[in-house]
PDB file of N, CA and C in Angstrom:
ATOM      1  N   MET A   1     127.236 -32.996  24.051  1.00  0.00           N
ATOM      2  CA  MET A   1     125.892 -32.901  23.591  1.00  0.00           C
ATOM      3  C   MET A   1     125.871 -32.816  22.069  1.00  0.00           C
ATOM      4  N   GLU A   2     126.798 -32.045  21.527  1.00  0.00           N
ATOM      5  CA  GLU A   2     126.825 -31.902  20.071  1.00  0.00           C
ATOM      6  C   GLU A   2     127.100 -33.235  19.388  1.00  0.00           C
ATOM      7  N   LEU A   3     128.007 -34.039  19.937  1.00  0.00           N
ATOM      8  CA  LEU A   3     128.307 -35.352  19.371  1.00  0.00           C
ATOM      9  C   LEU A   3     127.084 -36.254  19.463  1.00  0.00           C
ATOM     10  N   PHE A   4     126.418 -36.259  20.609  1.00  0.00           N
ATOM     11  CA  PHE A   4     125.227 -37.070  20.811  1.00  0.00           C
ATOM     12  C   PHE A   4     124.160 -36.716  19.770  1.00  0.00           C
ATOM     13  N   VAL A   5     123.897 -35.425  19.587  1.00  0.00           N
ATOM     14  CA  VAL A   5     122.894 -34.973  18.632  1.00  0.00           C
ATOM     15  C   VAL A   5     123.343 -35.268  17.201  1.00  0.00           C
ATOM     16  N   SER A   6     124.634 -35.113  16.913  1.00  0.00           N
ATOM     17  CA  SER A   6     125.125 -35.374  15.552  1.00  0.00           C
ATOM     18  C   SER A   6     125.003 -36.845  15.178  1.00  0.00           C
ATOM     19  N   LYS A   7     124.943 -37.718  16.175  1.00  0.00           N
ATOM     20  CA  LYS A   7     124.785 -39.159  15.934  1.00  0.00           C
ATOM     21  C   LYS A   7     123.323 -39.579  15.925  1.00  0.00           C
ATOM     22  N   GLY A   8     122.409 -38.600  15.976  1.00  0.00           N
ATOM     23  CA  GLY A   8     120.984 -38.908  15.901  1.00  0.00           C
ATOM     24  C   GLY A   8     120.239 -38.834  17.209  1.00  0.00           C
ATOM     25  N   GLY A   9     120.942 -38.514  18.307  1.00  0.00           N
ATOM     26  CA  GLY A   9     120.283 -38.401  19.597  1.00  0.00           C
ATOM     27  C   GLY A   9     119.457 -37.126  19.684  1.00  0.00           C
ATOM     28  N   GLU A  10     118.509 -37.125  20.573  1.00  0.00           N
ATOM     29  CA  GLU A  10     117.687 -35.944  20.802  1.00  0.00           C
ATOM     30  C   GLU A  10     117.745 -35.581  22.281  1.00  0.00           C
ATOM     31  N   ILE A  11     117.807 -34.294  22.561  1.00  0.00           N
ATOM     32  CA  ILE A  11     117.835 -33.797  23.929  1.00  0.00           C
ATOM     33  C   ILE A  11     116.664 -32.842  24.092  1.00  0.00           C
ATOM     34  N   PHE A  12     115.926 -32.995  25.186  1.00  0.00           N
ATOM     35  CA  PHE A  12     114.806 -32.114  25.468  1.00  0.00           C
ATOM     36  C   PHE A  12     115.027 -31.492  26.838  1.00  0.00           C
ATOM     37  N   ALA A  13     114.870 -30.183  26.921  1.00  0.00           N
ATOM     38  CA  ALA A  13     115.066 -29.473  28.192  1.00  0.00           C
ATOM     39  C   ALA A  13     113.735 -29.319  28.904  1.00  0.00           C
ATOM     40  N   CYS A  14     113.730 -29.624  30.186  1.00  0.00           N
ATOM     41  CA  CYS A  14     112.547 -29.479  31.035  1.00  0.00           C
ATOM     42  C   CYS A  14     112.215 -27.987  31.183  1.00  0.00           C
ATOM     43  N   GLY A  15     110.982 -27.627  30.853  1.00  0.00           N
ATOM     44  CA  GLY A  15     110.569 -26.230  30.948  1.00  0.00           C
ATOM     45  C   GLY A  15     110.687 -25.671  32.348  1.00  0.00           C
ATOM     46  N   THR A  16     110.321 -26.458  33.356  1.00  0.00           N
ATOM     47  CA  THR A  16     110.419 -26.010  34.745  1.00  0.00           C
ATOM     48  C   THR A  16     111.865 -25.757  35.129  1.00  0.00           C
ATOM     49  N   CYS A  17     112.753 -26.675  34.733  1.00  0.00           N
ATOM     50  CA  CYS A  17     114.180 -26.517  35.052  1.00  0.00           C
ATOM     51  C   CYS A  17     114.754 -25.264  34.393  1.00  0.00           C
ATOM     52  N   LEU A  18     114.372 -25.014  33.153  1.00  0.00           N
ATOM     53  CA  LEU A  18     114.864 -23.815  32.462  1.00  0.00           C
ATOM     54  C   LEU A  18     114.327 -22.551  33.118  1.00  0.00           C
ATOM     55  N   LYS A  19     113.065 -22.564  33.508  1.00  0.00           N
ATOM     56  CA  LYS A  19     112.462 -21.389  34.139  1.00  0.00           C
ATOM     57  C   LYS A  19     113.165 -21.049  35.444  1.00  0.00           C
ATOM     58  N   ILE A  20     113.460 -22.067  36.258  1.00  0.00           N
ATOM     59  CA  ILE A  20     114.154 -21.855  37.529  1.00  0.00           C
ATOM     60  C   ILE A  20     115.506 -21.183  37.289  1.00  0.00           C
ATOM     61  N   ARG A  21     116.147 -21.541  36.191  1.00  0.00           N
ATOM     62  CA  ARG A  21     117.478 -21.014  35.873  1.00  0.00           C
ATOM     63  C   ARG A  21     117.424 -19.771  34.986  1.00  0.00           C
ATOM     64  N   ASN A  22     116.217 -19.221  34.785  1.00  0.00           N
ATOM     65  CA  ASN A  22     116.027 -18.051  33.921  1.00  0.00           C
ATOM     66  C   ASN A  22     116.697 -18.257  32.569  1.00  0.00           C
ATOM     67  N   SER A  23     116.442 -19.412  31.989  1.00  0.00           N
ATOM     68  CA  SER A  23     117.052 -19.771  30.715  1.00  0.00           C
ATOM     69  C   SER A  23     115.957 -20.207  29.744  1.00  0.00           C
ATOM     70  N   GLY A  24     116.341 -20.403  28.512  1.00  0.00           N
ATOM     71  CA  GLY A  24     115.406 -20.878  27.503  1.00  0.00           C
ATOM     72  C   GLY A  24     116.012 -22.030  26.732  1.00  0.00           C
ATOM     73  N   GLY A  25     115.203 -22.676  25.946  1.00  0.00           N
ATOM     74  CA  GLY A  25     115.695 -23.761  25.125  1.00  0.00           C
ATOM     75  C   GLY A  25     116.586 -23.234  24.013  1.00  0.00           C
ATOM     76  N   THR A  26     117.342 -24.141  23.432  1.00  0.00           N
ATOM     77  CA  THR A  26     118.200 -23.796  22.301  1.00  0.00           C
ATOM     78  C   THR A  26     117.908 -24.772  21.169  1.00  0.00           C
ATOM     79  N   GLU A  27     118.502 -24.545  20.028  1.00  0.00           N
ATOM     80  CA  GLU A  27     118.332 -25.468  18.912  1.00  0.00           C
ATOM     81  C   GLU A  27     118.877 -26.843  19.290  1.00  0.00           C
ATOM     82  N   LEU A  28     119.972 -26.871  20.011  1.00  0.00           N
ATOM     83  CA  LEU A  28     120.594 -28.126  20.440  1.00  0.00           C
ATOM     84  C   LEU A  28     119.755 -28.812  21.526  1.00  0.00           C
ATOM     85  N   CYS A  29     119.128 -28.025  22.380  1.00  0.00           N
ATOM     86  CA  CYS A  29     118.375 -28.566  23.515  1.00  0.00           C
ATOM     87  C   CYS A  29     117.072 -27.759  23.670  1.00  0.00           C
ATOM     88  N   PRO A  30     116.038 -28.098  22.869  1.00  0.00           N
ATOM     89  CA  PRO A  30     114.814 -27.298  22.881  1.00  0.00           C
ATOM     90  C   PRO A  30     113.973 -27.512  24.135  1.00  0.00           C
ATOM     91  N   LEU A  31     113.177 -26.505  24.443  1.00  0.00           N
ATOM     92  CA  LEU A  31     112.237 -26.563  25.550  1.00  0.00           C
ATOM     93  C   LEU A  31     111.237 -27.686  25.284  1.00  0.00           C
ATOM     94  N   SER A  32     110.962 -28.495  26.297  1.00  0.00           N
ATOM     95  CA  SER A  32     109.996 -29.581  26.124  1.00  0.00           C
ATOM     96  C   SER A  32     108.834 -29.418  27.094  1.00  0.00           C
ATOM     97  N   THR A  33     107.801 -30.179  26.850  1.00  0.00           N
ATOM     98  CA  THR A  33     106.596 -30.136  27.669  1.00  0.00           C
ATOM     99  C   THR A  33     106.279 -31.543  28.172  1.00  0.00           C
ATOM    100  N   MET A  34     105.282 -31.635  29.022  1.00  0.00           N
ATOM    101  CA  MET A  34     104.833 -32.947  29.487  1.00  0.00           C
ATOM    102  C   MET A  34     104.323 -33.776  28.309  1.00  0.00           C
ATOM    103  N   LYS A  35     103.751 -33.115  27.312  1.00  0.00           N
ATOM    104  CA  LYS A  35     103.287 -33.825  26.111  1.00  0.00           C
ATOM    105  C   LYS A  35     104.471 -34.490  25.411  1.00  0.00           C
ATOM    106  N   ASP A  36     105.595 -33.774  25.298  1.00  0.00           N
ATOM    107  CA  ASP A  36     106.802 -34.342  24.696  1.00  0.00           C
ATOM    108  C   ASP A  36     107.269 -35.563  25.491  1.00  0.00           C
ATOM    109  N   LEU A  37     107.287 -35.447  26.828  1.00  0.00           N
ATOM    110  CA  LEU A  37     107.712 -36.550  27.681  1.00  0.00           C
ATOM    111  C   LEU A  37     106.798 -37.753  27.490  1.00  0.00           C
ATOM    112  N   TYR A  38     105.500 -37.508  27.461  1.00  0.00           N
ATOM    113  CA  TYR A  38     104.542 -38.585  27.251  1.00  0.00           C
ATOM    114  C   TYR A  38     104.812 -39.294  25.923  1.00  0.00           C
ATOM    115  N   GLU A  39     105.025 -38.523  24.861  1.00  0.00           N
ATOM    116  CA  GLU A  39     105.266 -39.114  23.544  1.00  0.00           C
ATOM    117  C   GLU A  39     106.565 -39.911  23.504  1.00  0.00           C
ATOM    118  N   ILE A  40     107.598 -39.432  24.179  1.00  0.00           N
ATOM    119  CA  ILE A  40     108.873 -40.165  24.241  1.00  0.00           C
ATOM    120  C   ILE A  40     108.655 -41.511  24.922  1.00  0.00           C
ATOM    121  N   ILE A  41     107.961 -41.507  26.052  1.00  0.00           N
ATOM    122  CA  ILE A  41     107.719 -42.754  26.782  1.00  0.00           C
ATOM    123  C   ILE A  41     106.789 -43.667  25.990  1.00  0.00           C
ATOM    124  N   ARG A  42     105.728 -43.109  25.435  1.00  0.00           N
ATOM    125  CA  ARG A  42     104.759 -43.891  24.665  1.00  0.00           C
ATOM    126  C   ARG A  42     105.412 -44.604  23.482  1.00  0.00           C
ATOM    127  N   ASP A  43     106.319 -43.921  22.804  1.00  0.00           N
ATOM    128  CA  ASP A  43     106.922 -44.448  21.585  1.00  0.00           C
ATOM    129  C   ASP A  43     108.161 -45.300  21.830  1.00  0.00           C
ATOM    130  N   SER A  44     108.602 -45.411  23.077  1.00  0.00           N
ATOM    131  CA  SER A  44     109.824 -46.163  23.392  1.00  0.00           C
ATOM    132  C   SER A  44     109.490 -47.600  23.782  1.00  0.00           C
ATOM    133  N   ASP A  45     110.372 -48.518  23.388  1.00  0.00           N
ATOM    134  CA  ASP A  45     110.184 -49.892  23.848  1.00  0.00           C
ATOM    135  C   ASP A  45     110.856 -50.092  25.202  1.00  0.00           C
ATOM    136  N   ARG A  46     111.780 -49.181  25.571  1.00  0.00           N
ATOM    137  CA  ARG A  46     112.435 -49.230  26.871  1.00  0.00           C
ATOM    138  C   ARG A  46     112.679 -47.798  27.349  1.00  0.00           C
ATOM    139  N   VAL A  47     112.607 -47.604  28.642  1.00  0.00           N
ATOM    140  CA  VAL A  47     112.885 -46.293  29.231  1.00  0.00           C
ATOM    141  C   VAL A  47     113.859 -46.507  30.383  1.00  0.00           C
ATOM    142  N   ILE A  48     114.952 -45.743  30.381  1.00  0.00           N
ATOM    143  CA  ILE A  48     115.937 -45.802  31.457  1.00  0.00           C
ATOM    144  C   ILE A  48     115.908 -44.468  32.169  1.00  0.00           C
ATOM    145  N   SER A  49     115.797 -44.497  33.463  1.00  0.00           N
ATOM    146  CA  SER A  49     115.749 -43.278  34.255  1.00  0.00           C
ATOM    147  C   SER A  49     116.830 -43.347  35.322  1.00  0.00           C
ATOM    148  N   ILE A  50     117.568 -42.245  35.474  1.00  0.00           N
ATOM    149  CA  ILE A  50     118.611 -42.207  36.511  1.00  0.00           C
ATOM    150  C   ILE A  50     118.401 -41.011  37.398  1.00  0.00           C
TER     151      ILE A  50
END
């Protein structure tokens, strides 16, 4: 994850997933919202989902 972020990648943590695990976001992987997801999809020319 650190290499990915150091090369310019961004990681967003699902708030629901973090809550289930009693965890919080970090600087490396901040808590995200549906608004963040919408903006990522809106601003992307391609979206890959697995």
